[in-house]
Amino acid sequence: MNNDNPALNYDEEDAVKFIQKHLPQEVQGKFSNDEINYIIDIVYDFYEEKGFLNEAADDESTVEIDEEELIKYVLKAIKKDKIKPFTEEEVTYIINGELDYCDSLDIFE
């Protein structure tokens, strides 16, 4: 079943699999699915805080995501939550994978 709203086709499990598959070779297998899902949750907190989820539902708007701001937001949340330390490079890989997954669904187009 194809839905007119691409955001409704987002599947967290598929997103994690997509990210795991698209990580650079040197970090593949380094992160558990739960760790990647944790990063995805933070990314969506950022989207919600910025109002992107409301805008994404509106076909007339275009969402511009500042990747540097998003990476800083995620790193700050990881530090605050005292979760396993991730490097900025690792967070960037995961975020890029999540953004690529969203692109594959045309969520923010």
PDB file of N, CA and C in Angstrom:
ATOM      1  N   MET A   1       0.853  -1.187   0.000  1.00  0.00           N
ATOM      2  CA  MET A   1       0.000   0.000   0.000  1.00  0.00           C
ATOM      3  C   MET A   1       0.887   1.235   0.000  1.00  0.00           C
ATOM      4  N   ASN A   2       0.704   2.074  -0.960  1.00  0.00           N
ATOM      5  CA  ASN A   2       1.471   3.303  -1.071  1.00  0.00           C
ATOM      6  C   ASN A   2       0.664   4.446  -0.476  1.00  0.00           C
ATOM      7  N   ASN A   3       1.309   5.249   0.353  1.00  0.00           N
ATOM      8  CA  ASN A   3       0.635   6.350   1.011  1.00  0.00           C
ATOM      9  C   ASN A   3       1.092   7.657   0.371  1.00  0.00           C
ATOM     10  N   ASP A   4       0.186   8.625   0.251  1.00  0.00           N
ATOM     11  CA  ASP A   4       0.527   9.908  -0.352  1.00  0.00           C
ATOM     12  C   ASP A   4       1.520  10.704   0.484  1.00  0.00           C
ATOM     13  N   ASN A   5       1.522  10.519   1.785  1.00  0.00           N
ATOM     14  CA  ASN A   5       2.439  11.234   2.674  1.00  0.00           C
ATOM     15  C   ASN A   5       3.654  10.337   2.939  1.00  0.00           C
ATOM     16  N   PRO A   6       4.819  10.652   2.360  1.00  0.00           N
ATOM     17  CA  PRO A   6       5.991   9.802   2.511  1.00  0.00           C
ATOM     18  C   PRO A   6       6.418   9.604   3.962  1.00  0.00           C
ATOM     19  N   ALA A   7       6.183  10.588   4.813  1.00  0.00           N
ATOM     20  CA  ALA A   7       6.572  10.466   6.218  1.00  0.00           C
ATOM     21  C   ALA A   7       5.851   9.310   6.893  1.00  0.00           C
ATOM     22  N   LEU A   8       4.673   8.972   6.416  1.00  0.00           N
ATOM     23  CA  LEU A   8       3.927   7.866   6.995  1.00  0.00           C
ATOM     24  C   LEU A   8       4.518   6.518   6.593  1.00  0.00           C
ATOM     25  N   ASN A   9       5.389   6.503   5.584  1.00  0.00           N
ATOM     26  CA  ASN A   9       6.041   5.273   5.148  1.00  0.00           C
ATOM     27  C   ASN A   9       7.331   5.007   5.914  1.00  0.00           C
ATOM     28  N   TYR A  10       7.723   5.927   6.804  1.00  0.00           N
ATOM     29  CA  TYR A  10       8.943   5.775   7.593  1.00  0.00           C
ATOM     30  C   TYR A  10       8.794   4.597   8.540  1.00  0.00           C
ATOM     31  N   ASP A  11       9.746   3.709   8.513  1.00  0.00           N
ATOM     32  CA  ASP A  11       9.751   2.555   9.399  1.00  0.00           C
ATOM     33  C   ASP A  11      11.075   2.552  10.152  1.00  0.00           C
ATOM     34  N   GLU A  12      11.004   2.656  11.475  1.00  0.00           N
ATOM     35  CA  GLU A  12      12.206   2.777  12.287  1.00  0.00           C
ATOM     36  C   GLU A  12      13.129   1.573  12.115  1.00  0.00           C
ATOM     37  N   GLU A  13      12.556   0.396  12.054  1.00  0.00           N
ATOM     38  CA  GLU A  13      13.349  -0.812  11.880  1.00  0.00           C
ATOM     39  C   GLU A  13      14.073  -0.796  10.530  1.00  0.00           C
ATOM     40  N   ASP A  14      13.352  -0.390   9.481  1.00  0.00           N
ATOM     41  CA  ASP A  14      13.974  -0.278   8.157  1.00  0.00           C
ATOM     42  C   ASP A  14      15.049   0.799   8.143  1.00  0.00           C
ATOM     43  N   ALA A  15      14.810   1.896   8.868  1.00  0.00           N
ATOM     44  CA  ALA A  15      15.794   2.973   8.937  1.00  0.00           C
ATOM     45  C   ALA A  15      17.087   2.472   9.562  1.00  0.00           C
ATOM     46  N   VAL A  16      16.980   1.722  10.651  1.00  0.00           N
ATOM     47  CA  VAL A  16      18.168   1.190  11.323  1.00  0.00           C
ATOM     48  C   VAL A  16      18.914   0.232  10.388  1.00  0.00           C
ATOM     49  N   LYS A  17      18.189  -0.647   9.713  1.00  0.00           N
ATOM     50  CA  LYS A  17      18.824  -1.577   8.764  1.00  0.00           C
ATOM     51  C   LYS A  17      19.517  -0.808   7.643  1.00  0.00           C
ATOM     52  N   PHE A  18      18.852   0.224   7.128  1.00  0.00           N
ATOM     53  CA  PHE A  18      19.405   1.046   6.059  1.00  0.00           C
ATOM     54  C   PHE A  18      20.707   1.697   6.524  1.00  0.00           C
ATOM     55  N   ILE A  19      20.672   2.283   7.719  1.00  0.00           N
ATOM     56  CA  ILE A  19      21.855   2.962   8.261  1.00  0.00           C
ATOM     57  C   ILE A  19      22.993   1.962   8.465  1.00  0.00           C
ATOM     58  N   GLN A  20      22.687   0.820   9.082  1.00  0.00           N
ATOM     59  CA  GLN A  20      23.721  -0.199   9.312  1.00  0.00           C
ATOM     60  C   GLN A  20      24.382  -0.594   7.993  1.00  0.00           C
ATOM     61  N   LYS A  21      23.571  -0.774   6.967  1.00  0.00           N
ATOM     62  CA  LYS A  21      24.069  -1.215   5.658  1.00  0.00           C
ATOM     63  C   LYS A  21      24.922  -0.139   4.983  1.00  0.00           C
ATOM     64  N   HIS A  22      24.613   1.144   5.241  1.00  0.00           N
ATOM     65  CA  HIS A  22      25.290   2.239   4.554  1.00  0.00           C
ATOM     66  C   HIS A  22      26.401   2.905   5.360  1.00  0.00           C
ATOM     67  N   LEU A  23      26.719   2.362   6.527  1.00  0.00           N
ATOM     68  CA  LEU A  23      27.844   2.884   7.297  1.00  0.00           C
ATOM     69  C   LEU A  23      29.144   2.552   6.567  1.00  0.00           C
ATOM     70  N   PRO A  24      30.148   3.416   6.693  1.00  0.00           N
ATOM     71  CA  PRO A  24      31.447   3.096   6.095  1.00  0.00           C
ATOM     72  C   PRO A  24      31.990   1.779   6.658  1.00  0.00           C
ATOM     73  N   GLN A  25      32.745   1.084   5.854  1.00  0.00           N
ATOM     74  CA  GLN A  25      33.274  -0.239   6.218  1.00  0.00           C
ATOM     75  C   GLN A  25      33.962  -0.243   7.580  1.00  0.00           C
ATOM     76  N   GLU A  26      34.724   0.820   7.872  1.00  0.00           N
ATOM     77  CA  GLU A  26      35.504   0.837   9.118  1.00  0.00           C
ATOM     78  C   GLU A  26      34.647   0.923  10.384  1.00  0.00           C
ATOM     79  N   VAL A  27      33.382   1.269  10.272  1.00  0.00           N
ATOM     80  CA  VAL A  27      32.525   1.331  11.463  1.00  0.00           C
ATOM     81  C   VAL A  27      31.337   0.373  11.393  1.00  0.00           C
ATOM     82  N   GLN A  28      31.244  -0.402  10.330  1.00  0.00           N
ATOM     83  CA  GLN A  28      30.143  -1.371  10.248  1.00  0.00           C
ATOM     84  C   GLN A  28      30.282  -2.388  11.374  1.00  0.00           C
ATOM     85  N   GLY A  29      29.164  -2.658  12.045  1.00  0.00           N
ATOM     86  CA  GLY A  29      29.146  -3.601  13.153  1.00  0.00           C
ATOM     87  C   GLY A  29      29.564  -3.004  14.481  1.00  0.00           C
ATOM     88  N   LYS A  30      29.968  -1.744  14.482  1.00  0.00           N
ATOM     89  CA  LYS A  30      30.423  -1.106  15.726  1.00  0.00           C
ATOM     90  C   LYS A  30      29.252  -0.702  16.621  1.00  0.00           C
ATOM     91  N   PHE A  31      28.095  -0.412  16.013  1.00  0.00           N
ATOM     92  CA  PHE A  31      26.947   0.080  16.765  1.00  0.00           C
ATOM     93  C   PHE A  31      25.824  -0.947  16.764  1.00  0.00           C
ATOM     94  N   SER A  32      25.191  -1.080  17.912  1.00  0.00           N
ATOM     95  CA  SER A  32      24.023  -1.963  17.982  1.00  0.00           C
ATOM     96  C   SER A  32      22.840  -1.245  17.339  1.00  0.00           C
ATOM     97  N   ASN A  33      21.826  -2.016  16.991  1.00  0.00           N
ATOM     98  CA  ASN A  33      20.608  -1.411  16.456  1.00  0.00           C
ATOM     99  C   ASN A  33      19.997  -0.449  17.465  1.00  0.00           C
ATOM    100  N   ASP A  34      20.073  -0.787  18.753  1.00  0.00           N
ATOM    101  CA  ASP A  34      19.532   0.095  19.795  1.00  0.00           C
ATOM    102  C   ASP A  34      20.286   1.425  19.851  1.00  0.00           C
ATOM    103  N   GLU A  35      21.597   1.380  19.669  1.00  0.00           N
ATOM    104  CA  GLU A  35      22.380   2.620  19.686  1.00  0.00           C
ATOM    105  C   GLU A  35      22.026   3.507  18.493  1.00  0.00           C
ATOM    106  N   ILE A  36      21.866   2.897  17.344  1.00  0.00           N
ATOM    107  CA  ILE A  36      21.474   3.676  16.164  1.00  0.00           C
ATOM    108  C   ILE A  36      20.063   4.227  16.353  1.00  0.00           C
ATOM    109  N   ASN A  37      19.180   3.420  16.895  1.00  0.00           N
ATOM    110  CA  ASN A  37      17.808   3.872  17.148  1.00  0.00           C
ATOM    111  C   ASN A  37      17.795   5.031  18.140  1.00  0.00           C
ATOM    112  N   TYR A  38      18.677   4.994  19.128  1.00  0.00           N
ATOM    113  CA  TYR A  38      18.804   6.089  20.090  1.00  0.00           C
ATOM    114  C   TYR A  38      19.166   7.392  19.375  1.00  0.00           C
ATOM    115  N   ILE A  39      20.146   7.320  18.445  1.00  0.00           N
ATOM    116  CA  ILE A  39      20.546   8.504  17.678  1.00  0.00           C
ATOM    117  C   ILE A  39      19.370   8.991  16.831  1.00  0.00           C
ATOM    118  N   ILE A  40      18.659   8.078  16.195  1.00  0.00           N
ATOM    119  CA  ILE A  40      17.483   8.454  15.384  1.00  0.00           C
ATOM    120  C   ILE A  40      16.466   9.190  16.244  1.00  0.00           C
ATOM    121  N   ASP A  41      16.242   8.706  17.454  1.00  0.00           N
ATOM    122  CA  ASP A  41      15.288   9.365  18.361  1.00  0.00           C
ATOM    123  C   ASP A  41      15.715  10.807  18.656  1.00  0.00           C
ATOM    124  N   ILE A  42      17.007  11.008  18.871  1.00  0.00           N
ATOM    125  CA  ILE A  42      17.503  12.364  19.122  1.00  0.00           C
ATOM    126  C   ILE A  42      17.312  13.230  17.880  1.00  0.00           C
ATOM    127  N   VAL A  43      17.606  12.661  16.718  1.00  0.00           N
ATOM    128  CA  VAL A  43      17.425  13.399  15.460  1.00  0.00           C
ATOM    129  C   VAL A  43      15.974  13.851  15.338  1.00  0.00           C
ATOM    130  N   TYR A  44      15.032  12.976  15.661  1.00  0.00           N
ATOM    131  CA  TYR A  44      13.624  13.356  15.556  1.00  0.00           C
ATOM    132  C   TYR A  44      13.206  14.340  16.633  1.00  0.00           C
ATOM    133  N   ASP A  45      13.869  14.320  17.785  1.00  0.00           N
ATOM    134  CA  ASP A  45      13.638  15.378  18.779  1.00  0.00           C
ATOM    135  C   ASP A  45      14.046  16.721  18.182  1.00  0.00           C
ATOM    136  N   PHE A  46      15.173  16.733  17.474  1.00  0.00           N
ATOM    137  CA  PHE A  46      15.647  17.946  16.812  1.00  0.00           C
ATOM    138  C   PHE A  46      14.630  18.411  15.767  1.00  0.00           C
ATOM    139  N   TYR A  47      14.168  17.475  14.921  1.00  0.00           N
ATOM    140  CA  TYR A  47      13.173  17.820  13.891  1.00  0.00           C
ATOM    141  C   TYR A  47      11.926  18.423  14.523  1.00  0.00           C
ATOM    142  N   GLU A  48      11.486  17.803  15.614  1.00  0.00           N
ATOM    143  CA  GLU A  48      10.274  18.286  16.289  1.00  0.00           C
ATOM    144  C   GLU A  48      10.503  19.672  16.883  1.00  0.00           C
ATOM    145  N   GLU A  49      11.646  19.855  17.533  1.00  0.00           N
ATOM    146  CA  GLU A  49      11.971  21.145  18.145  1.00  0.00           C
ATOM    147  C   GLU A  49      12.010  22.260  17.095  1.00  0.00           C
ATOM    148  N   LYS A  50      12.502  21.936  15.905  1.00  0.00           N
ATOM    149  CA  LYS A  50      12.617  22.913  14.824  1.00  0.00           C
ATOM    150  C   LYS A  50      11.314  23.073  14.031  1.00  0.00           C
ATOM    151  N   GLY A  51      10.320  22.223  14.320  1.00  0.00           N
ATOM    152  CA  GLY A  51       9.050  22.307  13.605  1.00  0.00           C
ATOM    153  C   GLY A  51       9.072  21.649  12.237  1.00  0.00           C
ATOM    154  N   PHE A  52      10.113  20.854  11.948  1.00  0.00           N
ATOM    155  CA  PHE A  52      10.232  20.230  10.633  1.00  0.00           C
ATOM    156  C   PHE A  52       9.157  19.181  10.384  1.00  0.00           C
ATOM    157  N   LEU A  53       8.721  18.518  11.427  1.00  0.00           N
ATOM    158  CA  LEU A  53       7.722  17.473  11.226  1.00  0.00           C
ATOM    159  C   LEU A  53       6.388  18.069  10.802  1.00  0.00           C
ATOM    160  N   ASN A  54       6.057  19.237  11.336  1.00  0.00           N
ATOM    161  CA  ASN A  54       4.836  19.916  10.916  1.00  0.00           C
ATOM    162  C   ASN A  54       4.971  20.411   9.485  1.00  0.00           C
ATOM    163  N   GLU A  55       6.137  20.968   9.146  1.00  0.00           N
ATOM    164  CA  GLU A  55       6.376  21.481   7.802  1.00  0.00           C
ATOM    165  C   GLU A  55       6.430  20.353   6.787  1.00  0.00           C
ATOM    166  N   ALA A  56       6.963  19.194   7.188  1.00  0.00           N
ATOM    167  CA  ALA A  56       7.081  18.072   6.262  1.00  0.00           C
ATOM    168  C   ALA A  56       5.710  17.576   5.836  1.00  0.00           C
ATOM    169  N   ALA A  57       4.733  17.756   6.703  1.00  0.00           N
ATOM    170  CA  ALA A  57       3.381  17.323   6.371  1.00  0.00           C
ATOM    171  C   ALA A  57       2.722  18.269   5.367  1.00  0.00           C
ATOM    172  N   ASP A  58       3.273  19.464   5.234  1.00  0.00           N
ATOM    173  CA  ASP A  58       2.735  20.471   4.319  1.00  0.00           C
ATOM    174  C   ASP A  58       3.454  20.364   2.980  1.00  0.00           C
ATOM    175  N   ASP A  59       2.727  20.003   1.934  1.00  0.00           N
ATOM    176  CA  ASP A  59       3.328  19.801   0.616  1.00  0.00           C
ATOM    177  C   ASP A  59       3.948  21.066   0.052  1.00  0.00           C
ATOM    178  N   GLU A  60       3.562  22.232   0.545  1.00  0.00           N
ATOM    179  CA  GLU A  60       4.038  23.507  -0.004  1.00  0.00           C
ATOM    180  C   GLU A  60       5.404  23.917   0.537  1.00  0.00           C
ATOM    181  N   SER A  61       5.836  23.354   1.666  1.00  0.00           N
ATOM    182  CA  SER A  61       7.055  23.837   2.312  1.00  0.00           C
ATOM    183  C   SER A  61       8.259  22.966   1.985  1.00  0.00           C
ATOM    184  N   THR A  62       9.430  23.585   2.079  1.00  0.00           N
ATOM    185  CA  THR A  62      10.696  22.893   1.898  1.00  0.00           C
ATOM    186  C   THR A  62      11.445  22.966   3.215  1.00  0.00           C
ATOM    187  N   VAL A  63      11.994  21.844   3.628  1.00  0.00           N
ATOM    188  CA  VAL A  63      12.730  21.790   4.883  1.00  0.00           C
ATOM    189  C   VAL A  63      14.221  21.871   4.586  1.00  0.00           C
ATOM    190  N   GLU A  64      14.890  22.809   5.239  1.00  0.00           N
ATOM    191  CA  GLU A  64      16.337  22.961   5.126  1.00  0.00           C
ATOM    192  C   GLU A  64      16.946  22.545   6.462  1.00  0.00           C
ATOM    193  N   ILE A  65      17.693  21.462   6.455  1.00  0.00           N
ATOM    194  CA  ILE A  65      18.290  20.960   7.684  1.00  0.00           C
ATOM    195  C   ILE A  65      19.752  21.374   7.736  1.00  0.00           C
ATOM    196  N   ASP A  66      20.124  22.069   8.813  1.00  0.00           N
ATOM    197  CA  ASP A  66      21.507  22.455   9.047  1.00  0.00           C
ATOM    198  C   ASP A  66      22.193  21.254   9.709  1.00  0.00           C
ATOM    199  N   GLU A  67      22.957  20.503   8.918  1.00  0.00           N
ATOM    200  CA  GLU A  67      23.566  19.279   9.418  1.00  0.00           C
ATOM    201  C   GLU A  67      24.534  19.535  10.562  1.00  0.00           C
ATOM    202  N   GLU A  68      25.284  20.632  10.505  1.00  0.00           N
ATOM    203  CA  GLU A  68      26.208  20.946  11.600  1.00  0.00           C
ATOM    204  C   GLU A  68      25.454  21.186  12.900  1.00  0.00           C
ATOM    205  N   GLU A  69      24.359  21.911  12.811  1.00  0.00           N
ATOM    206  CA  GLU A  69      23.536  22.170  14.002  1.00  0.00           C
ATOM    207  C   GLU A  69      22.954  20.862  14.532  1.00  0.00           C
ATOM    208  N   LEU A  70      22.514  20.004  13.628  1.00  0.00           N
ATOM    209  CA  LEU A  70      21.940  18.711  14.019  1.00  0.00           C
ATOM    210  C   LEU A  70      23.003  17.848  14.714  1.00  0.00           C
ATOM    211  N   ILE A  71      24.189  17.796  14.171  1.00  0.00           N
ATOM    212  CA  ILE A  71      25.269  17.006  14.770  1.00  0.00           C
ATOM    213  C   ILE A  71      25.596  17.522  16.173  1.00  0.00           C
ATOM    214  N   LYS A  72      25.695  18.834  16.329  1.00  0.00           N
ATOM    215  CA  LYS A  72      25.964  19.417  17.652  1.00  0.00           C
ATOM    216  C   LYS A  72      24.844  19.083  18.637  1.00  0.00           C
ATOM    217  N   TYR A  73      23.601  19.135  18.162  1.00  0.00           N
ATOM    218  CA  TYR A  73      22.446  18.817  18.997  1.00  0.00           C
ATOM    219  C   TYR A  73      22.535  17.374  19.491  1.00  0.00           C
ATOM    220  N   VAL A  74      22.855  16.450  18.584  1.00  0.00           N
ATOM    221  CA  VAL A  74      22.945  15.038  18.943  1.00  0.00           C
ATOM    222  C   VAL A  74      24.098  14.806  19.920  1.00  0.00           C
ATOM    223  N   LEU A  75      25.254  15.387  19.651  1.00  0.00           N
ATOM    224  CA  LEU A  75      26.404  15.214  20.545  1.00  0.00           C
ATOM    225  C   LEU A  75      26.104  15.758  21.941  1.00  0.00           C
ATOM    226  N   LYS A  76      25.410  16.880  22.011  1.00  0.00           N
ATOM    227  CA  LYS A  76      25.039  17.471  23.303  1.00  0.00           C
ATOM    228  C   LYS A  76      24.086  16.536  24.057  1.00  0.00           C
ATOM    229  N   ALA A  77      23.133  15.954  23.361  1.00  0.00           N
ATOM    230  CA  ALA A  77      22.177  15.035  23.997  1.00  0.00           C
ATOM    231  C   ALA A  77      22.876  13.767  24.493  1.00  0.00           C
ATOM    232  N   ILE A  78      23.816  13.253  23.706  1.00  0.00           N
ATOM    233  CA  ILE A  78      24.571  12.065  24.117  1.00  0.00           C
ATOM    234  C   ILE A  78      25.358  12.356  25.393  1.00  0.00           C
ATOM    235  N   LYS A  79      25.994  13.504  25.426  1.00  0.00           N
ATOM    236  CA  LYS A  79      26.776  13.891  26.605  1.00  0.00           C
ATOM    237  C   LYS A  79      25.866  14.056  27.820  1.00  0.00           C
ATOM    238  N   LYS A  80      24.729  14.707  27.616  1.00  0.00           N
ATOM    239  CA  LYS A  80      23.780  14.946  28.707  1.00  0.00           C
ATOM    240  C   LYS A  80      23.223  13.626  29.243  1.00  0.00           C
ATOM    241  N   ASP A  81      22.907  12.701  28.335  1.00  0.00           N
ATOM    242  CA  ASP A  81      22.330  11.417  28.737  1.00  0.00           C
ATOM    243  C   ASP A  81      23.382  10.431  29.237  1.00  0.00           C
ATOM    244  N   LYS A  82      24.652  10.807  29.118  1.00  0.00           N
ATOM    245  CA  LYS A  82      25.770   9.965  29.561  1.00  0.00           C
ATOM    246  C   LYS A  82      25.699   8.569  28.932  1.00  0.00           C
ATOM    247  N   ILE A  83      25.437   8.565  27.654  1.00  0.00           N
ATOM    248  CA  ILE A  83      25.383   7.339  26.884  1.00  0.00           C
ATOM    249  C   ILE A  83      26.787   7.039  26.360  1.00  0.00           C
ATOM    250  N   LYS A  84      26.978   5.828  25.884  1.00  0.00           N
ATOM    251  CA  LYS A  84      28.260   5.445  25.270  1.00  0.00           C
ATOM    252  C   LYS A  84      28.785   6.605  24.436  1.00  0.00           C
ATOM    253  N   PRO A  85      30.035   6.964  24.626  1.00  0.00           N
ATOM    254  CA  PRO A  85      30.560   8.091  23.853  1.00  0.00           C
ATOM    255  C   PRO A  85      30.662   7.762  22.356  1.00  0.00           C
ATOM    256  N   PHE A  86      30.172   8.671  21.564  1.00  0.00           N
ATOM    257  CA  PHE A  86      30.287   8.598  20.116  1.00  0.00           C
ATOM    258  C   PHE A  86      31.178   9.753  19.687  1.00  0.00           C
ATOM    259  N   THR A  87      31.984   9.531  18.678  1.00  0.00           N
ATOM    260  CA  THR A  87      32.761  10.635  18.133  1.00  0.00           C
ATOM    261  C   THR A  87      31.862  11.440  17.202  1.00  0.00           C
ATOM    262  N   GLU A  88      32.296  12.652  16.915  1.00  0.00           N
ATOM    263  CA  GLU A  88      31.545  13.486  15.975  1.00  0.00           C
ATOM    264  C   GLU A  88      31.453  12.797  14.611  1.00  0.00           C
ATOM    265  N   GLU A  89      32.519  12.147  14.214  1.00  0.00           N
ATOM    266  CA  GLU A  89      32.539  11.441  12.931  1.00  0.00           C
ATOM    267  C   GLU A  89      31.516  10.300  12.914  1.00  0.00           C
ATOM    268  N   GLU A  90      31.426   9.549  13.997  1.00  0.00           N
ATOM    269  CA  GLU A  90      30.466   8.442  14.077  1.00  0.00           C
ATOM    270  C   GLU A  90      29.033   8.957  14.027  1.00  0.00           C
ATOM    271  N   VAL A  91      28.770  10.017  14.776  1.00  0.00           N
ATOM    272  CA  VAL A  91      27.436  10.620  14.761  1.00  0.00           C
ATOM    273  C   VAL A  91      27.103  11.115  13.359  1.00  0.00           C
ATOM    274  N   THR A  92      28.075  11.699  12.698  1.00  0.00           N
ATOM    275  CA  THR A  92      27.865  12.191  11.333  1.00  0.00           C
ATOM    276  C   THR A  92      27.497  11.044  10.399  1.00  0.00           C
ATOM    277  N   TYR A  93      28.184   9.912  10.507  1.00  0.00           N
ATOM    278  CA  TYR A  93      27.859   8.745   9.674  1.00  0.00           C
ATOM    279  C   TYR A  93      26.413   8.307   9.886  1.00  0.00           C
ATOM    280  N   ILE A  94      26.005   8.235  11.149  1.00  0.00           N
ATOM    281  CA  ILE A  94      24.646   7.773  11.468  1.00  0.00           C
ATOM    282  C   ILE A  94      23.615   8.780  10.973  1.00  0.00           C
ATOM    283  N   ILE A  95      23.862  10.063  11.212  1.00  0.00           N
ATOM    284  CA  ILE A  95      22.934  11.103  10.759  1.00  0.00           C
ATOM    285  C   ILE A  95      22.832  11.101   9.236  1.00  0.00           C
ATOM    286  N   ASN A  96      23.969  10.988   8.556  1.00  0.00           N
ATOM    287  CA  ASN A  96      23.926  10.950   7.090  1.00  0.00           C
ATOM    288  C   ASN A  96      23.136   9.740   6.594  1.00  0.00           C
ATOM    289  N   GLY A  97      23.283   8.628   7.281  1.00  0.00           N
ATOM    290  CA  GLY A  97      22.499   7.442   6.924  1.00  0.00           C
ATOM    291  C   GLY A  97      21.012   7.681   7.121  1.00  0.00           C
ATOM    292  N   GLU A  98      20.661   8.348   8.218  1.00  0.00           N
ATOM    293  CA  GLU A  98      19.242   8.637   8.485  1.00  0.00           C
ATOM    294  C   GLU A  98      18.692   9.607   7.448  1.00  0.00           C
ATOM    295  N   LEU A  99      19.471  10.623   7.118  1.00  0.00           N
ATOM    296  CA  LEU A  99      19.028  11.593   6.102  1.00  0.00           C
ATOM    297  C   LEU A  99      18.890  10.918   4.731  1.00  0.00           C
ATOM    298  N   ASP A 100      19.813  10.008   4.417  1.00  0.00           N
ATOM    299  CA  ASP A 100      19.720   9.271   3.155  1.00  0.00           C
ATOM    300  C   ASP A 100      18.480   8.388   3.133  1.00  0.00           C
ATOM    301  N   TYR A 101      18.158   7.780   4.280  1.00  0.00           N
ATOM    302  CA  TYR A 101      16.940   6.967   4.354  1.00  0.00           C
ATOM    303  C   TYR A 101      15.714   7.852   4.107  1.00  0.00           C
ATOM    304  N   CYS A 102      15.678   9.010   4.738  1.00  0.00           N
ATOM    305  CA  CYS A 102      14.559   9.946   4.517  1.00  0.00           C
ATOM    306  C   CYS A 102      14.480  10.374   3.052  1.00  0.00           C
ATOM    307  N   ASP A 103      15.641  10.627   2.455  1.00  0.00           N
ATOM    308  CA  ASP A 103      15.675  10.983   1.025  1.00  0.00           C
ATOM    309  C   ASP A 103      15.108   9.868   0.165  1.00  0.00           C
ATOM    310  N   SER A 104      15.410   8.622   0.548  1.00  0.00           N
ATOM    311  CA  SER A 104      14.915   7.481  -0.231  1.00  0.00           C
ATOM    312  C   SER A 104      13.386   7.404  -0.186  1.00  0.00           C
ATOM    313  N   LEU A 105      12.794   8.001   0.845  1.00  0.00           N
ATOM    314  CA  LEU A 105      11.329   8.027   0.979  1.00  0.00           C
ATOM    315  C   LEU A 105      10.732   9.363   0.527  1.00  0.00           C
ATOM    316  N   ASP A 106      11.594  10.317   0.124  1.00  0.00           N
ATOM    317  CA  ASP A 106      11.159  11.679  -0.256  1.00  0.00           C
ATOM    318  C   ASP A 106      10.409  12.381   0.861  1.00  0.00           C
ATOM    319  N   ILE A 107      10.865  12.197   2.086  1.00  0.00           N
ATOM    320  CA  ILE A 107      10.159  12.783   3.234  1.00  0.00           C
ATOM    321  C   ILE A 107      10.288  14.303   3.269  1.00  0.00           C
ATOM    322  N   PHE A 108      11.506  14.816   3.046  1.00  0.00           N
ATOM    323  CA  PHE A 108      11.732  16.253   3.179  1.00  0.00           C
ATOM    324  C   PHE A 108      11.855  16.963   1.843  1.00  0.00           C
ATOM    325  N   GLU A 109      11.433  16.358   0.781  1.00  0.00           N
ATOM    326  CA  GLU A 109      11.540  16.976  -0.547  1.00  0.00           C
ATOM    327  C   GLU A 109      10.370  17.906  -0.780  1.00  0.00           C
TER     328      GLU A 109
END
